[in-house]
Amino acid sequence: LQLNSLNPEDTAVYYCKTNLGIRRGPYWGQGT
């Protein structure tokens, strides 16, 4: 994720996520 022209409102923990299907469901990273 390339973040340009950043504002103070962009301050957050950013998480990566995928959906592995009905069995395994969504999966999240720990955040940065």
Full PDB file with SEQRES, HELIX, SHEET, SSBOND, CRYST1, ORIGX, SCALE, CONECT and MASTER records, all heavy atoms in Angstrom:
SEQRES   1 A   32  LEU GLN LEU ASN SER LEU ASN PRO GLU ASP THR ALA VAL          
SEQRES   2 A   32  TYR TYR CYS LYS THR ASN LEU GLY ILE ARG ARG GLY PRO          
SEQRES   3 A   32  TYR TRP GLY GLN GLY THR                                      
HELIX    1 AA1 PRO A    8  ASP A   10  5                                   3    
SHEET    1 AA1 2 LYS A  17  ASN A  19  0                                        
SHEET    2 AA1 2 PRO A  26  TRP A  28 -1                                        
CRYST1    1.000    1.000    1.000  90.00  90.00  90.00 P 1           1          
ORIGX1      1.000000  0.000000  0.000000        0.00000                         
ORIGX2      0.000000  1.000000  0.000000        0.00000                         
ORIGX3      0.000000  0.000000  1.000000        0.00000                         
SCALE1      1.000000  0.000000  0.000000        0.00000                         
SCALE2      0.000000  1.000000  0.000000        0.00000                         
SCALE3      0.000000  0.000000  1.000000        0.00000                         
ATOM      1  N   LEU A   1       0.855  -1.171   0.000  1.00  0.00           N  
ATOM      2  CA  LEU A   1       0.000   0.000   0.000  1.00  0.00           C  
ATOM      3  C   LEU A   1       0.900   1.233   0.000  1.00  0.00           C  
ATOM      4  O   LEU A   1       1.611   1.478   0.974  1.00  0.00           O  
ATOM      5  CB  LEU A   1      -0.935   0.026   1.211  1.00  0.00           C  
ATOM      6  CG  LEU A   1      -1.978   1.137   1.207  1.00  0.00           C  
ATOM      7  CD1 LEU A   1      -2.997   0.923   0.088  1.00  0.00           C  
ATOM      8  CD2 LEU A   1      -2.691   1.232   2.555  1.00  0.00           C  
ATOM      9  N   GLN A   2       0.869   1.972  -1.095  1.00  0.00           N  
ATOM     10  CA  GLN A   2       1.602   3.222  -1.211  1.00  0.00           C  
ATOM     11  C   GLN A   2       0.715   4.347  -0.716  1.00  0.00           C  
ATOM     12  O   GLN A   2      -0.380   4.549  -1.247  1.00  0.00           O  
ATOM     13  CB  GLN A   2       2.017   3.470  -2.660  1.00  0.00           C  
ATOM     14  CG  GLN A   2       2.763   4.774  -2.888  1.00  0.00           C  
ATOM     15  CD  GLN A   2       4.139   4.781  -2.268  1.00  0.00           C  
ATOM     16  OE1 GLN A   2       4.857   3.791  -2.360  1.00  0.00           O  
ATOM     17  NE2 GLN A   2       4.510   5.880  -1.626  1.00  0.00           N  
ATOM     18  N   LEU A   3       1.169   5.080   0.291  1.00  0.00           N  
ATOM     19  CA  LEU A   3       0.413   6.163   0.897  1.00  0.00           C  
ATOM     20  C   LEU A   3       1.098   7.479   0.553  1.00  0.00           C  
ATOM     21  O   LEU A   3       2.219   7.729   0.987  1.00  0.00           O  
ATOM     22  CB  LEU A   3       0.322   6.024   2.418  1.00  0.00           C  
ATOM     23  CG  LEU A   3      -0.358   4.794   3.023  1.00  0.00           C  
ATOM     24  CD1 LEU A   3       0.537   3.571   2.971  1.00  0.00           C  
ATOM     25  CD2 LEU A   3      -0.729   5.082   4.475  1.00  0.00           C  
ATOM     26  N   ASN A   4       0.435   8.323  -0.217  1.00  0.00           N  
ATOM     27  CA  ASN A   4       0.951   9.626  -0.607  1.00  0.00           C  
ATOM     28  C   ASN A   4       0.058  10.736  -0.065  1.00  0.00           C  
ATOM     29  O   ASN A   4      -1.096  10.506   0.272  1.00  0.00           O  
ATOM     30  CB  ASN A   4       1.045   9.741  -2.130  1.00  0.00           C  
ATOM     31  CG  ASN A   4       2.030   8.786  -2.744  1.00  0.00           C  
ATOM     32  OD1 ASN A   4       3.033   8.428  -2.132  1.00  0.00           O  
ATOM     33  ND2 ASN A   4       1.766   8.376  -3.980  1.00  0.00           N  
ATOM     34  N   SER A   5       0.607  11.942  -0.027  1.00  0.00           N  
ATOM     35  CA  SER A   5      -0.140  13.129   0.409  1.00  0.00           C  
ATOM     36  C   SER A   5      -0.839  12.887   1.734  1.00  0.00           C  
ATOM     37  O   SER A   5      -2.032  13.160   1.894  1.00  0.00           O  
ATOM     38  CB  SER A   5      -1.146  13.543  -0.672  1.00  0.00           C  
ATOM     39  OG  SER A   5      -0.497  13.813  -1.894  1.00  0.00           O  
ATOM     40  N   LEU A   6      -0.095  12.404   2.696  1.00  0.00           N  
ATOM     41  CA  LEU A   6      -0.680  11.979   3.958  1.00  0.00           C  
ATOM     42  C   LEU A   6      -1.183  13.151   4.785  1.00  0.00           C  
ATOM     43  O   LEU A   6      -0.568  14.219   4.818  1.00  0.00           O  
ATOM     44  CB  LEU A   6       0.332  11.173   4.757  1.00  0.00           C  
ATOM     45  CG  LEU A   6       0.548   9.752   4.240  1.00  0.00           C  
ATOM     46  CD1 LEU A   6       1.834   9.163   4.796  1.00  0.00           C  
ATOM     47  CD2 LEU A   6      -0.644   8.875   4.613  1.00  0.00           C  
ATOM     48  N   ASN A   7      -2.306  12.929   5.437  1.00  0.00           N  
ATOM     49  CA  ASN A   7      -2.931  13.884   6.347  1.00  0.00           C  
ATOM     50  C   ASN A   7      -2.884  13.343   7.765  1.00  0.00           C  
ATOM     51  O   ASN A   7      -2.781  12.126   7.969  1.00  0.00           O  
ATOM     52  CB  ASN A   7      -4.399  14.119   5.968  1.00  0.00           C  
ATOM     53  CG  ASN A   7      -4.592  14.513   4.527  1.00  0.00           C  
ATOM     54  OD1 ASN A   7      -3.870  15.374   4.019  1.00  0.00           O  
ATOM     55  ND2 ASN A   7      -5.568  13.918   3.867  1.00  0.00           N  
ATOM     56  N   PRO A   8      -2.995  14.209   8.771  1.00  0.00           N  
ATOM     57  CA  PRO A   8      -3.123  13.703  10.146  1.00  0.00           C  
ATOM     58  C   PRO A   8      -4.279  12.725  10.311  1.00  0.00           C  
ATOM     59  O   PRO A   8      -4.198  11.816  11.140  1.00  0.00           O  
ATOM     60  CB  PRO A   8      -3.340  14.975  10.965  1.00  0.00           C  
ATOM     61  CG  PRO A   8      -2.664  16.038  10.180  1.00  0.00           C  
ATOM     62  CD  PRO A   8      -2.878  15.675   8.738  1.00  0.00           C  
ATOM     63  N   GLU A   9      -5.330  12.881   9.526  1.00  0.00           N  
ATOM     64  CA  GLU A   9      -6.477  11.981   9.577  1.00  0.00           C  
ATOM     65  C   GLU A   9      -6.152  10.572   9.097  1.00  0.00           C  
ATOM     66  O   GLU A   9      -6.940   9.649   9.307  1.00  0.00           O  
ATOM     67  CB  GLU A   9      -7.637  12.549   8.757  1.00  0.00           C  
ATOM     68  CG  GLU A   9      -8.240  13.837   9.327  1.00  0.00           C  
ATOM     69  CD  GLU A   9      -7.372  15.070   9.102  1.00  0.00           C  
ATOM     70  OE1 GLU A   9      -6.507  15.055   8.207  1.00  0.00           O  
ATOM     71  OE2 GLU A   9      -7.552  16.059   9.843  1.00  0.00           O  
ATOM     72  N   ASP A  10      -5.017  10.393   8.442  1.00  0.00           N  
ATOM     73  CA  ASP A  10      -4.580   9.069   8.017  1.00  0.00           C  
ATOM     74  C   ASP A  10      -3.887   8.295   9.130  1.00  0.00           C  
ATOM     75  O   ASP A  10      -3.553   7.118   8.937  1.00  0.00           O  
ATOM     76  CB  ASP A  10      -3.645   9.172   6.816  1.00  0.00           C  
ATOM     77  CG  ASP A  10      -4.324   9.761   5.593  1.00  0.00           C  
ATOM     78  OD1 ASP A  10      -5.467   9.356   5.289  1.00  0.00           O  
ATOM     79  OD2 ASP A  10      -3.708  10.626   4.935  1.00  0.00           O  
ATOM     80  N   THR A  11      -3.645   8.925  10.263  1.00  0.00           N  
ATOM     81  CA  THR A  11      -3.020   8.247  11.391  1.00  0.00           C  
ATOM     82  C   THR A  11      -3.893   7.079  11.841  1.00  0.00           C  
ATOM     83  O   THR A  11      -5.070   7.254  12.145  1.00  0.00           O  
ATOM     84  CB  THR A  11      -2.801   9.216  12.552  1.00  0.00           C  
ATOM     85  OG1 THR A  11      -1.856  10.215  12.159  1.00  0.00           O  
ATOM     86  CG2 THR A  11      -2.281   8.492  13.780  1.00  0.00           C  
ATOM     87  N   ALA A  12      -3.313   5.890  11.880  1.00  0.00           N  
ATOM     88  CA  ALA A  12      -4.066   4.684  12.202  1.00  0.00           C  
ATOM     89  C   ALA A  12      -3.119   3.501  12.250  1.00  0.00           C  
ATOM     90  O   ALA A  12      -1.976   3.578  11.801  1.00  0.00           O  
ATOM     91  CB  ALA A  12      -5.158   4.422  11.157  1.00  0.00           C  
ATOM     92  N   VAL A  13      -3.622   2.398  12.787  1.00  0.00           N  
ATOM     93  CA  VAL A  13      -2.982   1.109  12.597  1.00  0.00           C  
ATOM     94  C   VAL A  13      -3.526   0.522  11.308  1.00  0.00           C  
ATOM     95  O   VAL A  13      -4.741   0.427  11.127  1.00  0.00           O  
ATOM     96  CB  VAL A  13      -3.230   0.160  13.776  1.00  0.00           C  
ATOM     97  CG1 VAL A  13      -2.572  -1.187  13.525  1.00  0.00           C  
ATOM     98  CG2 VAL A  13      -2.713   0.775  15.069  1.00  0.00           C  
ATOM     99  N   TYR A  14      -2.644   0.142  10.410  1.00  0.00           N  
ATOM    100  CA  TYR A  14      -3.014  -0.400   9.113  1.00  0.00           C  
ATOM    101  C   TYR A  14      -2.849  -1.916   9.124  1.00  0.00           C  
ATOM    102  O   TYR A  14      -1.804  -2.434   9.520  1.00  0.00           O  
ATOM    103  CB  TYR A  14      -2.162   0.224   8.010  1.00  0.00           C  
ATOM    104  CG  TYR A  14      -2.584   1.631   7.673  1.00  0.00           C  
ATOM    105  CD1 TYR A  14      -2.339   2.681   8.551  1.00  0.00           C  
ATOM    106  CD2 TYR A  14      -3.256   1.914   6.487  1.00  0.00           C  
ATOM    107  CE1 TYR A  14      -2.746   3.971   8.259  1.00  0.00           C  
ATOM    108  CE2 TYR A  14      -3.660   3.196   6.184  1.00  0.00           C  
ATOM    109  CZ  TYR A  14      -3.407   4.223   7.071  1.00  0.00           C  
ATOM    110  OH  TYR A  14      -3.808   5.501   6.770  1.00  0.00           O  
ATOM    111  N   TYR A  15      -3.887  -2.611   8.663  1.00  0.00           N  
ATOM    112  CA  TYR A  15      -3.942  -4.062   8.696  1.00  0.00           C  
ATOM    113  C   TYR A  15      -4.080  -4.645   7.294  1.00  0.00           C  
ATOM    114  O   TYR A  15      -4.863  -4.139   6.480  1.00  0.00           O  
ATOM    115  CB  TYR A  15      -5.139  -4.553   9.517  1.00  0.00           C  
ATOM    116  CG  TYR A  15      -5.114  -4.167  10.973  1.00  0.00           C  
ATOM    117  CD1 TYR A  15      -5.714  -2.996  11.409  1.00  0.00           C  
ATOM    118  CD2 TYR A  15      -4.505  -4.989  11.915  1.00  0.00           C  
ATOM    119  CE1 TYR A  15      -5.705  -2.642  12.742  1.00  0.00           C  
ATOM    120  CE2 TYR A  15      -4.489  -4.641  13.249  1.00  0.00           C  
ATOM    121  CZ  TYR A  15      -5.095  -3.466  13.659  1.00  0.00           C  
ATOM    122  OH  TYR A  15      -5.092  -3.121  14.989  1.00  0.00           O  
ATOM    123  N   CYS A  16      -3.368  -5.706   7.049  1.00  0.00           N  
ATOM    124  CA  CYS A  16      -3.504  -6.518   5.849  1.00  0.00           C  
ATOM    125  C   CYS A  16      -4.503  -7.639   6.128  1.00  0.00           C  
ATOM    126  O   CYS A  16      -4.517  -8.219   7.216  1.00  0.00           O  
ATOM    127  CB  CYS A  16      -2.133  -7.083   5.479  1.00  0.00           C  
ATOM    128  SG  CYS A  16      -2.071  -8.150   4.048  1.00  0.00           S  
ATOM    129  N   LYS A  17      -5.347  -7.959   5.141  1.00  0.00           N  
ATOM    130  CA  LYS A  17      -6.400  -8.947   5.350  1.00  0.00           C  
ATOM    131  C   LYS A  17      -6.697  -9.709   4.076  1.00  0.00           C  
ATOM    132  O   LYS A  17      -6.639  -9.165   2.980  1.00  0.00           O  
ATOM    133  CB  LYS A  17      -7.671  -8.239   5.848  1.00  0.00           C  
ATOM    134  CG  LYS A  17      -8.875  -9.140   6.055  1.00  0.00           C  
ATOM    135  CD  LYS A  17      -9.965  -8.820   5.054  1.00  0.00           C  
ATOM    136  CE  LYS A  17     -11.228  -9.600   5.319  1.00  0.00           C  
ATOM    137  NZ  LYS A  17     -12.277  -9.293   4.323  1.00  0.00           N  
ATOM    138  N   THR A  18      -7.010 -10.989   4.238  1.00  0.00           N  
ATOM    139  CA  THR A  18      -7.517 -11.790   3.136  1.00  0.00           C  
ATOM    140  C   THR A  18      -8.700 -12.604   3.623  1.00  0.00           C  
ATOM    141  O   THR A  18      -8.928 -12.749   4.828  1.00  0.00           O  
ATOM    142  CB  THR A  18      -6.422 -12.703   2.561  1.00  0.00           C  
ATOM    143  OG1 THR A  18      -6.868 -13.283   1.331  1.00  0.00           O  
ATOM    144  CG2 THR A  18      -6.064 -13.823   3.533  1.00  0.00           C  
ATOM    145  N   ASN A  19      -9.489 -13.121   2.688  1.00  0.00           N  
ATOM    146  CA  ASN A  19     -10.607 -13.996   3.011  1.00  0.00           C  
ATOM    147  C   ASN A  19     -10.292 -15.375   2.452  1.00  0.00           C  
ATOM    148  O   ASN A  19     -10.242 -15.551   1.233  1.00  0.00           O  
ATOM    149  CB  ASN A  19     -11.914 -13.475   2.443  1.00  0.00           C  
ATOM    150  CG  ASN A  19     -13.118 -14.242   2.944  1.00  0.00           C  
ATOM    151  OD1 ASN A  19     -13.001 -15.330   3.491  1.00  0.00           O  
ATOM    152  ND2 ASN A  19     -14.297 -13.671   2.766  1.00  0.00           N  
ATOM    153  N   LEU A  20     -10.084 -16.325   3.332  1.00  0.00           N  
ATOM    154  CA  LEU A  20      -9.674 -17.667   2.939  1.00  0.00           C  
ATOM    155  C   LEU A  20     -10.843 -18.609   2.721  1.00  0.00           C  
ATOM    156  O   LEU A  20     -10.638 -19.816   2.586  1.00  0.00           O  
ATOM    157  CB  LEU A  20      -8.710 -18.239   3.977  1.00  0.00           C  
ATOM    158  CG  LEU A  20      -7.390 -17.484   4.101  1.00  0.00           C  
ATOM    159  CD1 LEU A  20      -6.543 -18.074   5.216  1.00  0.00           C  
ATOM    160  CD2 LEU A  20      -6.630 -17.514   2.782  1.00  0.00           C  
ATOM    161  N   GLY A  21     -12.066 -18.102   2.684  1.00  0.00           N  
ATOM    162  CA  GLY A  21     -13.230 -18.900   2.374  1.00  0.00           C  
ATOM    163  C   GLY A  21     -14.051 -19.252   3.588  1.00  0.00           C  
ATOM    164  O   GLY A  21     -13.734 -18.874   4.717  1.00  0.00           O  
ATOM    165  N   ILE A  22     -15.121 -20.014   3.346  1.00  0.00           N  
ATOM    166  CA  ILE A  22     -16.087 -20.277   4.404  1.00  0.00           C  
ATOM    167  C   ILE A  22     -15.492 -21.105   5.536  1.00  0.00           C  
ATOM    168  O   ILE A  22     -15.865 -20.942   6.702  1.00  0.00           O  
ATOM    169  CB  ILE A  22     -17.350 -20.941   3.828  1.00  0.00           C  
ATOM    170  CG1 ILE A  22     -18.472 -20.967   4.860  1.00  0.00           C  
ATOM    171  CG2 ILE A  22     -17.042 -22.344   3.313  1.00  0.00           C  
ATOM    172  CD1 ILE A  22     -19.817 -21.306   4.268  1.00  0.00           C  
ATOM    173  N   ARG A  23     -14.555 -21.994   5.224  1.00  0.00           N  
ATOM    174  CA  ARG A  23     -13.961 -22.823   6.269  1.00  0.00           C  
ATOM    175  C   ARG A  23     -13.014 -22.034   7.158  1.00  0.00           C  
ATOM    176  O   ARG A  23     -13.115 -22.074   8.385  1.00  0.00           O  
ATOM    177  CB  ARG A  23     -13.213 -24.000   5.656  1.00  0.00           C  
ATOM    178  CG  ARG A  23     -14.089 -25.066   5.042  1.00  0.00           C  
ATOM    179  CD  ARG A  23     -13.222 -26.252   4.693  1.00  0.00           C  
ATOM    180  NE  ARG A  23     -13.890 -27.243   3.870  1.00  0.00           N  
ATOM    181  CZ  ARG A  23     -13.319 -28.343   3.424  1.00  0.00           C  
ATOM    182  NH1 ARG A  23     -12.039 -28.601   3.721  1.00  0.00           N  
ATOM    183  NH2 ARG A  23     -13.995 -29.188   2.677  1.00  0.00           N  
ATOM    184  N   ARG A  24     -12.081 -21.326   6.549  1.00  0.00           N  
ATOM    185  CA  ARG A  24     -11.033 -20.656   7.309  1.00  0.00           C  
ATOM    186  C   ARG A  24     -11.336 -19.199   7.600  1.00  0.00           C  
ATOM    187  O   ARG A  24     -10.746 -18.617   8.512  1.00  0.00           O  
ATOM    188  CB  ARG A  24      -9.696 -20.789   6.588  1.00  0.00           C  
ATOM    189  CG  ARG A  24      -9.191 -22.214   6.556  1.00  0.00           C  
ATOM    190  CD  ARG A  24      -7.795 -22.305   5.975  1.00  0.00           C  
ATOM    191  NE  ARG A  24      -7.791 -22.144   4.537  1.00  0.00           N  
ATOM    192  CZ  ARG A  24      -6.688 -22.150   3.788  1.00  0.00           C  
ATOM    193  NH1 ARG A  24      -5.494 -22.289   4.366  1.00  0.00           N  
ATOM    194  NH2 ARG A  24      -6.776 -21.994   2.475  1.00  0.00           N  
ATOM    195  N   GLY A  25     -12.242 -18.602   6.836  1.00  0.00           N  
ATOM    196  CA  GLY A  25     -12.707 -17.255   7.095  1.00  0.00           C  
ATOM    197  C   GLY A  25     -11.678 -16.182   6.803  1.00  0.00           C  
ATOM    198  O   GLY A  25     -10.648 -16.431   6.175  1.00  0.00           O  
ATOM    199  N   PRO A  26     -11.968 -14.966   7.277  1.00  0.00           N  
ATOM    200  CA  PRO A  26     -11.004 -13.879   7.094  1.00  0.00           C  
ATOM    201  C   PRO A  26      -9.779 -14.084   7.961  1.00  0.00           C  
ATOM    202  O   PRO A  26      -9.855 -14.682   9.036  1.00  0.00           O  
ATOM    203  CB  PRO A  26     -11.787 -12.635   7.515  1.00  0.00           C  
ATOM    204  CG  PRO A  26     -12.801 -13.148   8.480  1.00  0.00           C  
ATOM    205  CD  PRO A  26     -13.175 -14.527   7.983  1.00  0.00           C  
ATOM    206  N   TYR A  27      -8.663 -13.576   7.492  1.00  0.00           N  
ATOM    207  CA  TYR A  27      -7.417 -13.659   8.235  1.00  0.00           C  
ATOM    208  C   TYR A  27      -6.742 -12.306   8.210  1.00  0.00           C  
ATOM    209  O   TYR A  27      -6.627 -11.680   7.151  1.00  0.00           O  
ATOM    210  CB  TYR A  27      -6.496 -14.729   7.653  1.00  0.00           C  
ATOM    211  CG  TYR A  27      -5.412 -15.140   8.614  1.00  0.00           C  
ATOM    212  CD1 TYR A  27      -5.636 -16.153   9.536  1.00  0.00           C  
ATOM    213  CD2 TYR A  27      -4.181 -14.493   8.619  1.00  0.00           C  
ATOM    214  CE1 TYR A  27      -4.660 -16.521  10.435  1.00  0.00           C  
ATOM    215  CE2 TYR A  27      -3.200 -14.855   9.519  1.00  0.00           C  
ATOM    216  CZ  TYR A  27      -3.439 -15.867  10.421  1.00  0.00           C  
ATOM    217  OH  TYR A  27      -2.473 -16.230  11.317  1.00  0.00           O  
ATOM    218  N   TRP A  28      -6.289 -11.868   9.381  1.00  0.00           N  
ATOM    219  CA  TRP A  28      -5.715 -10.538   9.578  1.00  0.00           C  
ATOM    220  C   TRP A  28      -4.260 -10.606   9.981  1.00  0.00           C  
ATOM    221  O   TRP A  28      -3.841 -11.506  10.712  1.00  0.00           O  
ATOM    222  CB  TRP A  28      -6.476  -9.791  10.680  1.00  0.00           C  
ATOM    223  CG  TRP A  28      -7.925  -9.584  10.387  1.00  0.00           C  
ATOM    224  CD1 TRP A  28      -8.953 -10.464  10.615  1.00  0.00           C  
ATOM    225  CD2 TRP A  28      -8.521  -8.421   9.813  1.00  0.00           C  
ATOM    226  NE1 TRP A  28     -10.146  -9.914  10.217  1.00  0.00           N  
ATOM    227  CE2 TRP A  28      -9.914  -8.667   9.724  1.00  0.00           C  
ATOM    228  CE3 TRP A  28      -8.013  -7.203   9.372  1.00  0.00           C  
ATOM    229  CZ2 TRP A  28     -10.801  -7.721   9.211  1.00  0.00           C  
ATOM    230  CZ3 TRP A  28      -8.891  -6.262   8.863  1.00  0.00           C  
ATOM    231  CH2 TRP A  28     -10.272  -6.532   8.787  1.00  0.00           C  
ATOM    232  N   GLY A  29      -3.499  -9.613   9.541  1.00  0.00           N  
ATOM    233  CA  GLY A  29      -2.171  -9.408  10.063  1.00  0.00           C  
ATOM    234  C   GLY A  29      -2.214  -8.707  11.407  1.00  0.00           C  
ATOM    235  O   GLY A  29      -3.286  -8.367  11.928  1.00  0.00           O  
ATOM    236  N   GLN A  30      -1.049  -8.482  11.977  1.00  0.00           N  
ATOM    237  CA  GLN A  30      -0.967  -7.874  13.312  1.00  0.00           C  
ATOM    238  C   GLN A  30      -1.065  -6.353  13.273  1.00  0.00           C  
ATOM    239  O   GLN A  30      -1.291  -5.727  14.313  1.00  0.00           O  
ATOM    240  CB  GLN A  30       0.342  -8.293  13.992  1.00  0.00           C  
ATOM    241  CG  GLN A  30       1.566  -7.446  13.650  1.00  0.00           C  
ATOM    242  CD  GLN A  30       2.078  -7.632  12.233  1.00  0.00           C  
ATOM    243  OE1 GLN A  30       1.685  -8.546  11.516  1.00  0.00           O  
ATOM    244  NE2 GLN A  30       2.985  -6.747  11.821  1.00  0.00           N  
ATOM    245  N   GLY A  31      -0.882  -5.752  12.127  1.00  0.00           N  
ATOM    246  CA  GLY A  31      -0.982  -4.316  11.970  1.00  0.00           C  
ATOM    247  C   GLY A  31       0.353  -3.609  12.053  1.00  0.00           C  
ATOM    248  O   GLY A  31       1.305  -4.089  12.661  1.00  0.00           O  
ATOM    249  N   THR A  32       0.418  -2.440  11.419  1.00  0.00           N  
ATOM    250  CA  THR A  32       1.582  -1.575  11.498  1.00  0.00           C  
ATOM    251  C   THR A  32       1.103  -0.135  11.696  1.00  0.00           C  
ATOM    252  O   THR A  32       0.148   0.307  11.057  1.00  0.00           O  
ATOM    253  CB  THR A  32       2.475  -1.713  10.249  1.00  0.00           C  
ATOM    254  OG1 THR A  32       3.670  -0.940  10.414  1.00  0.00           O  
ATOM    255  CG2 THR A  32       1.757  -1.263   8.984  1.00  0.00           C  
TER     256      THR A  32                                                      
MASTER        0    0    0    1    2    0    0    6  255    1    0    3          
END                                                                             
